[in-house]
Amino acid sequence: MSLVILTGAGVSAESGLGTFRDQDGLWTQYDLGEVATPQGYARNPALVHEFYNARRANLLTSVPNAAHEALVKLNGRATLITQNVDDLHERAGSTNVIHMHGELMQALCANCGHRWTAPPAMTTATPCPACGQHTARPDVVWFGEMPYHMDRIENLLDQCETFVAIGTSGNVYPAAGFVEWARAAGARAVEINLEPSDVARSFDEVILGPATETVPAWVDAILSA
């Protein structure tokens, strides 16, 4: 079975990483237009670094949860496409992960495009190890930027037999359109979520509940089928 799994913030929420919809989370303390857009970075790179340094510190104290650990059992059978910029899938042991929105623990030079492992904290004085310019930014995809690996993702959606979305809101494109893409190619589609997403009607099956409960149960059912 060709299995493609899209994961969103709901997979990592129970590890203590906030989502856009959290009322009191880290995201609500900042104007996203100022910290998650190229324009915001150009206006105030120090503020952007402050925000991502806080997110990086939060990630470093977080651990994979039962949902991440369950998906490891599908190594060799599934490709994970994640909207998340955390590394909890990898820390749990998943080996085939595509980060379409980049990785929080990586840095990107806005001048020359070089990538490297991000230090725990970056500032406007952090130099690029390749070109020496002080133009380091988090290697994450901001609003208005093209997600990474889209050619590979589209090929996977064209070929998959089953598409599963876990912990996604269904309101951020292009990921919200993956279910329609996969179904047009003949795939069966399953949503696993705390509550129905904005595109829940596009799925053949919707499983509701906390990811740490629903994902292990679904994985066990897949493996026993």
C-alpha atoms as a PDB file:
ATOM      1  CA  MET A   1       0.000   0.000   0.000  1.00  0.00           C
ATOM      2  CA  SER A   2       1.328   3.423  -0.976  1.00  0.00           C
ATOM      3  CA  LEU A   3       0.637   5.529   2.117  1.00  0.00           C
ATOM      4  CA  VAL A   4       1.150   9.291   2.361  1.00  0.00           C
ATOM      5  CA  ILE A   5       0.587  10.996   5.701  1.00  0.00           C
ATOM      6  CA  LEU A   6       0.287  14.759   6.159  1.00  0.00           C
ATOM      7  CA  THR A   7       0.840  15.976   9.713  1.00  0.00           C
ATOM      8  CA  GLY A   8       0.021  19.363  11.162  1.00  0.00           C
ATOM      9  CA  ALA A   9       0.245  21.210  14.451  1.00  0.00           C
ATOM     10  CA  GLY A  10      -2.272  18.917  16.133  1.00  0.00           C
ATOM     11  CA  VAL A  11       0.295  16.108  16.166  1.00  0.00           C
ATOM     12  CA  SER A  12       2.728  18.141  18.252  1.00  0.00           C
ATOM     13  CA  ALA A  13       0.237  20.052  20.412  1.00  0.00           C
ATOM     14  CA  GLU A  14       0.275  17.384  23.129  1.00  0.00           C
ATOM     15  CA  SER A  15       4.063  17.738  23.273  1.00  0.00           C
ATOM     16  CA  GLY A  16       3.575  21.329  24.420  1.00  0.00           C
ATOM     17  CA  LEU A  17       4.024  23.032  21.050  1.00  0.00           C
ATOM     18  CA  GLY A  18       1.281  25.554  20.413  1.00  0.00           C
ATOM     19  CA  THR A  19      -0.925  25.885  17.346  1.00  0.00           C
ATOM     20  CA  PHE A  20      -2.233  28.972  15.563  1.00  0.00           C
ATOM     21  CA  ARG A  21      -5.604  28.409  17.230  1.00  0.00           C
ATOM     22  CA  ASP A  22      -4.371  28.348  20.835  1.00  0.00           C
ATOM     23  CA  GLN A  23      -5.905  31.306  22.670  1.00  0.00           C
ATOM     24  CA  ASP A  24      -2.966  31.894  25.010  1.00  0.00           C
ATOM     25  CA  GLY A  25      -0.087  30.348  23.088  1.00  0.00           C
ATOM     26  CA  LEU A  26       3.137  31.807  21.785  1.00  0.00           C
ATOM     27  CA  TRP A  27       1.606  32.669  18.419  1.00  0.00           C
ATOM     28  CA  THR A  28      -0.980  35.002  20.010  1.00  0.00           C
ATOM     29  CA  GLN A  29       1.742  37.134  21.599  1.00  0.00           C
ATOM     30  CA  TYR A  30       3.014  38.360  18.224  1.00  0.00           C
ATOM     31  CA  ASP A  31       1.613  39.875  15.041  1.00  0.00           C
ATOM     32  CA  LEU A  32       2.205  37.129  12.477  1.00  0.00           C
ATOM     33  CA  GLY A  33       2.644  39.757   9.782  1.00  0.00           C
ATOM     34  CA  GLU A  34       5.689  40.985  11.679  1.00  0.00           C
ATOM     35  CA  VAL A  35       7.335  37.645  12.532  1.00  0.00           C
ATOM     36  CA  ALA A  36       6.244  35.221   9.821  1.00  0.00           C
ATOM     37  CA  THR A  37       6.603  37.140   6.556  1.00  0.00           C
ATOM     38  CA  PRO A  38       9.596  38.268   4.482  1.00  0.00           C
ATOM     39  CA  GLN A  39       8.359  41.837   4.864  1.00  0.00           C
ATOM     40  CA  GLY A  40       8.345  41.571   8.656  1.00  0.00           C
ATOM     41  CA  TYR A  41      11.895  40.225   8.603  1.00  0.00           C
ATOM     42  CA  ALA A  42      13.021  43.108   6.400  1.00  0.00           C
ATOM     43  CA  ARG A  43      11.431  45.655   8.747  1.00  0.00           C
ATOM     44  CA  ASN A  44      12.600  44.227  12.057  1.00  0.00           C
ATOM     45  CA  PRO A  45      14.898  41.188  11.909  1.00  0.00           C
ATOM     46  CA  ALA A  46      15.650  41.475  15.653  1.00  0.00           C
ATOM     47  CA  LEU A  47      11.968  40.911  16.487  1.00  0.00           C
ATOM     48  CA  VAL A  48      11.830  37.922  14.138  1.00  0.00           C
ATOM     49  CA  HIS A  49      14.873  36.380  15.801  1.00  0.00           C
ATOM     50  CA  GLU A  50      13.340  36.979  19.238  1.00  0.00           C
ATOM     51  CA  PHE A  51      10.214  35.098  18.200  1.00  0.00           C
ATOM     52  CA  TYR A  52      12.001  32.115  16.690  1.00  0.00           C
ATOM     53  CA  ASN A  53      14.512  31.942  19.528  1.00  0.00           C
ATOM     54  CA  ALA A  54      11.526  31.525  21.865  1.00  0.00           C
ATOM     55  CA  ARG A  55      10.050  28.828  19.645  1.00  0.00           C
ATOM     56  CA  ARG A  56      13.417  27.059  19.448  1.00  0.00           C
ATOM     57  CA  ALA A  57      13.762  27.124  23.233  1.00  0.00           C
ATOM     58  CA  ASN A  58      10.256  25.688  23.563  1.00  0.00           C
ATOM     59  CA  LEU A  59      11.080  22.920  21.099  1.00  0.00           C
ATOM     60  CA  LEU A  60      14.298  21.993  22.911  1.00  0.00           C
ATOM     61  CA  THR A  61      12.300  21.245  26.071  1.00  0.00           C
ATOM     62  CA  SER A  62       9.638  19.217  24.234  1.00  0.00           C
ATOM     63  CA  VAL A  63       9.644  15.472  23.589  1.00  0.00           C
ATOM     64  CA  PRO A  64       7.808  13.280  21.049  1.00  0.00           C
ATOM     65  CA  ASN A  65       4.416  12.045  22.168  1.00  0.00           C
ATOM     66  CA  ALA A  66       2.540   8.797  21.564  1.00  0.00           C
ATOM     67  CA  ALA A  67       1.341   9.957  18.131  1.00  0.00           C
ATOM     68  CA  HIS A  68       4.887  10.599  16.900  1.00  0.00           C
ATOM     69  CA  GLU A  69       6.022   7.278  18.348  1.00  0.00           C
ATOM     70  CA  ALA A  70       3.178   5.343  16.734  1.00  0.00           C
ATOM     71  CA  LEU A  71       3.983   6.699  13.268  1.00  0.00           C
ATOM     72  CA  VAL A  72       7.513   5.289  13.588  1.00  0.00           C
ATOM     73  CA  LYS A  73       5.949   1.826  13.232  1.00  0.00           C
ATOM     74  CA  LEU A  74       5.125   2.757   9.623  1.00  0.00           C
ATOM     75  CA  ASN A  75       8.779   3.303   8.639  1.00  0.00           C
ATOM     76  CA  GLY A  76       9.244   1.707   5.242  1.00  0.00           C
ATOM     77  CA  ARG A  77       5.525   1.788   4.523  1.00  0.00           C
ATOM     78  CA  ALA A  78       4.675   5.480   4.598  1.00  0.00           C
ATOM     79  CA  THR A  79       6.028   8.894   3.670  1.00  0.00           C
ATOM     80  CA  LEU A  80       5.394  11.652   6.193  1.00  0.00           C
ATOM     81  CA  ILE A  81       4.815  15.155   4.863  1.00  0.00           C
ATOM     82  CA  THR A  82       4.756  17.595   7.738  1.00  0.00           C
ATOM     83  CA  GLN A  83       3.634  21.187   7.948  1.00  0.00           C
ATOM     84  CA  ASN A  84       5.417  21.382  11.283  1.00  0.00           C
ATOM     85  CA  VAL A  85       8.840  22.942  11.641  1.00  0.00           C
ATOM     86  CA  ASP A  86       9.705  20.897  14.736  1.00  0.00           C
ATOM     87  CA  ASP A  87      11.883  17.781  14.636  1.00  0.00           C
ATOM     88  CA  LEU A  88       9.726  15.541  16.843  1.00  0.00           C
ATOM     89  CA  HIS A  89       9.014  13.017  14.062  1.00  0.00           C
ATOM     90  CA  GLU A  90      12.742  12.480  13.599  1.00  0.00           C
ATOM     91  CA  ARG A  91      13.449  12.403  17.323  1.00  0.00           C
ATOM     92  CA  ALA A  92      10.792   9.717  17.697  1.00  0.00           C
ATOM     93  CA  GLY A  93      12.528   7.676  14.998  1.00  0.00           C
ATOM     94  CA  SER A  94      10.664   8.350  11.744  1.00  0.00           C
ATOM     95  CA  THR A  95      13.046   8.131   8.812  1.00  0.00           C
ATOM     96  CA  ASN A  96      11.081   9.353   5.781  1.00  0.00           C
ATOM     97  CA  VAL A  97       9.944  12.890   6.614  1.00  0.00           C
ATOM     98  CA  ILE A  98       9.436  15.793   4.207  1.00  0.00           C
ATOM     99  CA  HIS A  99       9.402  19.240   5.856  1.00  0.00           C
ATOM    100  CA  MET A 100       7.338  21.335   3.481  1.00  0.00           C
ATOM    101  CA  HIS A 101       7.556  24.401   5.733  1.00  0.00           C
ATOM    102  CA  GLY A 102      11.222  24.080   6.653  1.00  0.00           C
ATOM    103  CA  GLU A 103      12.865  23.272   9.969  1.00  0.00           C
ATOM    104  CA  LEU A 104      13.138  25.419  13.067  1.00  0.00           C
ATOM    105  CA  MET A 105      16.487  23.894  14.008  1.00  0.00           C
ATOM    106  CA  GLN A 106      18.023  24.983  10.692  1.00  0.00           C
ATOM    107  CA  ALA A 107      19.291  28.409   9.641  1.00  0.00           C
ATOM    108  CA  LEU A 108      19.191  29.953   6.162  1.00  0.00           C
ATOM    109  CA  CYS A 109      21.287  32.784   4.780  1.00  0.00           C
ATOM    110  CA  ALA A 110      19.040  35.370   3.150  1.00  0.00           C
ATOM    111  CA  ASN A 111      22.049  36.541   1.120  1.00  0.00           C
ATOM    112  CA  CYS A 112      23.544  33.381  -0.413  1.00  0.00           C
ATOM    113  CA  GLY A 113      21.029  30.633   0.427  1.00  0.00           C
ATOM    114  CA  HIS A 114      23.430  28.550   2.539  1.00  0.00           C
ATOM    115  CA  ARG A 115      21.813  26.300   5.174  1.00  0.00           C
ATOM    116  CA  TRP A 116      23.294  25.120   8.466  1.00  0.00           C
ATOM    117  CA  THR A 117      22.282  23.913  11.915  1.00  0.00           C
ATOM    118  CA  ALA A 118      20.842  26.837  13.840  1.00  0.00           C
ATOM    119  CA  PRO A 119      22.335  27.792  17.201  1.00  0.00           C
ATOM    120  CA  PRO A 120      19.890  27.906  20.143  1.00  0.00           C
ATOM    121  CA  ALA A 121      19.679  31.678  19.693  1.00  0.00           C
ATOM    122  CA  MET A 122      20.279  33.819  16.618  1.00  0.00           C
ATOM    123  CA  THR A 123      20.622  37.593  16.355  1.00  0.00           C
ATOM    124  CA  THR A 124      21.136  40.160  13.621  1.00  0.00           C
ATOM    125  CA  ALA A 125      24.875  39.685  14.239  1.00  0.00           C
ATOM    126  CA  THR A 126      24.841  35.940  13.492  1.00  0.00           C
ATOM    127  CA  PRO A 127      27.104  35.468  10.448  1.00  0.00           C
ATOM    128  CA  CYS A 128      26.556  33.043   7.606  1.00  0.00           C
ATOM    129  CA  PRO A 129      29.367  30.443   7.731  1.00  0.00           C
ATOM    130  CA  ALA A 130      29.535  30.454   3.920  1.00  0.00           C
ATOM    131  CA  CYS A 131      29.510  34.116   2.896  1.00  0.00           C
ATOM    132  CA  GLY A 132      30.121  35.854   6.224  1.00  0.00           C
ATOM    133  CA  GLN A 133      27.163  38.224   5.873  1.00  0.00           C
ATOM    134  CA  HIS A 134      24.972  38.953   8.885  1.00  0.00           C
ATOM    135  CA  THR A 135      21.846  37.790   7.073  1.00  0.00           C
ATOM    136  CA  ALA A 136      20.911  34.620   8.980  1.00  0.00           C
ATOM    137  CA  ARG A 137      17.214  33.766   9.261  1.00  0.00           C
ATOM    138  CA  PRO A 138      15.295  30.701  10.395  1.00  0.00           C
ATOM    139  CA  ASP A 139      14.976  28.125   7.613  1.00  0.00           C
ATOM    140  CA  VAL A 140      11.197  28.172   7.755  1.00  0.00           C
ATOM    141  CA  VAL A 141       8.660  28.992   5.071  1.00  0.00           C
ATOM    142  CA  TRP A 142       6.890  32.239   5.850  1.00  0.00           C
ATOM    143  CA  PHE A 143       3.516  33.432   4.597  1.00  0.00           C
ATOM    144  CA  GLY A 144       3.896  34.430   0.970  1.00  0.00           C
ATOM    145  CA  GLU A 145       6.794  32.030   0.334  1.00  0.00           C
ATOM    146  CA  MET A 146       6.674  28.797  -1.658  1.00  0.00           C
ATOM    147  CA  PRO A 147       6.664  25.591   0.428  1.00  0.00           C
ATOM    148  CA  TYR A 148       9.618  23.276  -0.026  1.00  0.00           C
ATOM    149  CA  HIS A 149       9.694  19.991  -1.985  1.00  0.00           C
ATOM    150  CA  MET A 150       6.425  20.586  -3.853  1.00  0.00           C
ATOM    151  CA  ASP A 151       7.460  18.590  -6.943  1.00  0.00           C
ATOM    152  CA  ARG A 152       8.228  15.556  -4.809  1.00  0.00           C
ATOM    153  CA  ILE A 153       5.007  15.977  -2.829  1.00  0.00           C
ATOM    154  CA  GLU A 154       2.881  16.206  -5.973  1.00  0.00           C
ATOM    155  CA  ASN A 155       4.465  13.015  -7.309  1.00  0.00           C
ATOM    156  CA  LEU A 156       3.679  11.226  -4.052  1.00  0.00           C
ATOM    157  CA  LEU A 157       0.060  12.396  -4.119  1.00  0.00           C
ATOM    158  CA  ASP A 158      -0.276  11.195  -7.706  1.00  0.00           C
ATOM    159  CA  GLN A 159       0.877   7.710  -6.716  1.00  0.00           C
ATOM    160  CA  CYS A 160      -0.555   7.131  -3.250  1.00  0.00           C
ATOM    161  CA  GLU A 161      -3.309   4.644  -2.547  1.00  0.00           C
ATOM    162  CA  THR A 162      -4.177   6.077   0.858  1.00  0.00           C
ATOM    163  CA  PHE A 163      -3.822   9.685   1.999  1.00  0.00           C
ATOM    164  CA  VAL A 164      -4.081  10.520   5.695  1.00  0.00           C
ATOM    165  CA  ALA A 165      -4.148  13.991   7.267  1.00  0.00           C
ATOM    166  CA  ILE A 166      -3.418  14.140  10.985  1.00  0.00           C
ATOM    167  CA  GLY A 167      -3.860  17.228  13.148  1.00  0.00           C
ATOM    168  CA  THR A 168      -4.339  19.721  10.317  1.00  0.00           C
ATOM    169  CA  SER A 169      -6.739  22.664  10.230  1.00  0.00           C
ATOM    170  CA  GLY A 170      -7.466  22.454   6.515  1.00  0.00           C
ATOM    171  CA  ASN A 171      -7.233  26.224   6.088  1.00  0.00           C
ATOM    172  CA  VAL A 172      -3.608  26.637   4.942  1.00  0.00           C
ATOM    173  CA  TYR A 173      -2.864  26.054   1.268  1.00  0.00           C
ATOM    174  CA  PRO A 174      -1.416  24.293  -0.587  1.00  0.00           C
ATOM    175  CA  ALA A 175      -1.568  21.559   2.087  1.00  0.00           C
ATOM    176  CA  ALA A 176      -5.341  21.952   2.467  1.00  0.00           C
ATOM    177  CA  GLY A 177      -5.696  20.920  -1.180  1.00  0.00           C
ATOM    178  CA  PHE A 178      -3.680  17.709  -0.858  1.00  0.00           C
ATOM    179  CA  VAL A 179      -6.746  15.614  -0.070  1.00  0.00           C
ATOM    180  CA  GLU A 180      -8.464  16.623  -3.314  1.00  0.00           C
ATOM    181  CA  TRP A 181      -5.257  16.003  -5.257  1.00  0.00           C
ATOM    182  CA  ALA A 182      -4.875  12.515  -3.791  1.00  0.00           C
ATOM    183  CA  ARG A 183      -8.537  11.605  -4.282  1.00  0.00           C
ATOM    184  CA  ALA A 184      -8.393  12.764  -7.908  1.00  0.00           C
ATOM    185  CA  ALA A 185      -5.577  10.236  -8.331  1.00  0.00           C
ATOM    186  CA  GLY A 186      -7.781   7.490  -6.867  1.00  0.00           C
ATOM    187  CA  ALA A 187      -6.608   7.439  -3.263  1.00  0.00           C
ATOM    188  CA  ARG A 188      -8.749   6.758  -0.226  1.00  0.00           C
ATOM    189  CA  ALA A 189      -8.566   9.652   2.250  1.00  0.00           C
ATOM    190  CA  VAL A 190      -8.673   9.597   6.058  1.00  0.00           C
ATOM    191  CA  GLU A 191      -8.650  12.531   8.458  1.00  0.00           C
ATOM    192  CA  ILE A 192      -7.528  12.113  12.073  1.00  0.00           C
ATOM    193  CA  ASN A 193      -8.128  15.238  14.102  1.00  0.00           C
ATOM    194  CA  LEU A 194      -9.260  16.660  17.413  1.00  0.00           C
ATOM    195  CA  GLU A 195     -12.179  18.274  15.576  1.00  0.00           C
ATOM    196  CA  PRO A 196     -13.251  18.266  11.917  1.00  0.00           C
ATOM    197  CA  SER A 197     -11.014  20.390   9.702  1.00  0.00           C
ATOM    198  CA  ASP A 198     -12.257  22.968   7.224  1.00  0.00           C
ATOM    199  CA  VAL A 199     -12.011  20.315   4.472  1.00  0.00           C
ATOM    200  CA  ALA A 200     -13.318  17.324   6.459  1.00  0.00           C
ATOM    201  CA  ARG A 201     -16.074  16.676   3.903  1.00  0.00           C
ATOM    202  CA  SER A 202     -13.443  15.809   1.321  1.00  0.00           C
ATOM    203  CA  PHE A 203     -12.327  12.730   3.293  1.00  0.00           C
ATOM    204  CA  ASP A 204     -13.781   9.234   3.083  1.00  0.00           C
ATOM    205  CA  GLU A 205     -13.351   8.731   6.817  1.00  0.00           C
ATOM    206  CA  VAL A 206     -12.918  11.134   9.741  1.00  0.00           C
ATOM    207  CA  ILE A 207     -11.573   9.919  13.089  1.00  0.00           C
ATOM    208  CA  LEU A 208     -11.896  12.407  15.974  1.00  0.00           C
ATOM    209  CA  GLY A 209     -10.048  12.566  19.275  1.00  0.00           C
ATOM    210  CA  PRO A 210      -6.673  13.455  20.811  1.00  0.00           C
ATOM    211  CA  ALA A 211      -3.764  12.495  18.552  1.00  0.00           C
ATOM    212  CA  THR A 212      -2.062  10.534  21.340  1.00  0.00           C
ATOM    213  CA  GLU A 213      -5.079   8.213  21.423  1.00  0.00           C
ATOM    214  CA  THR A 214      -6.365   8.129  17.847  1.00  0.00           C
ATOM    215  CA  VAL A 215      -3.069   7.841  15.980  1.00  0.00           C
ATOM    216  CA  PRO A 216      -1.714   4.792  17.893  1.00  0.00           C
ATOM    217  CA  ALA A 217      -5.076   3.045  17.479  1.00  0.00           C
ATOM    218  CA  TRP A 218      -5.181   3.799  13.747  1.00  0.00           C
ATOM    219  CA  VAL A 219      -1.577   2.666  13.207  1.00  0.00           C
ATOM    220  CA  ASP A 220      -2.273  -0.598  15.045  1.00  0.00           C
ATOM    221  CA  ALA A 221      -5.332  -1.159  12.863  1.00  0.00           C
ATOM    222  CA  ILE A 222      -3.265  -0.563   9.710  1.00  0.00           C
ATOM    223  CA  LEU A 223      -0.583  -3.007  10.819  1.00  0.00           C
ATOM    224  CA  SER A 224      -3.066  -5.697  11.742  1.00  0.00           C
ATOM    225  CA  ALA A 225      -5.099  -5.443   8.529  1.00  0.00           C
END
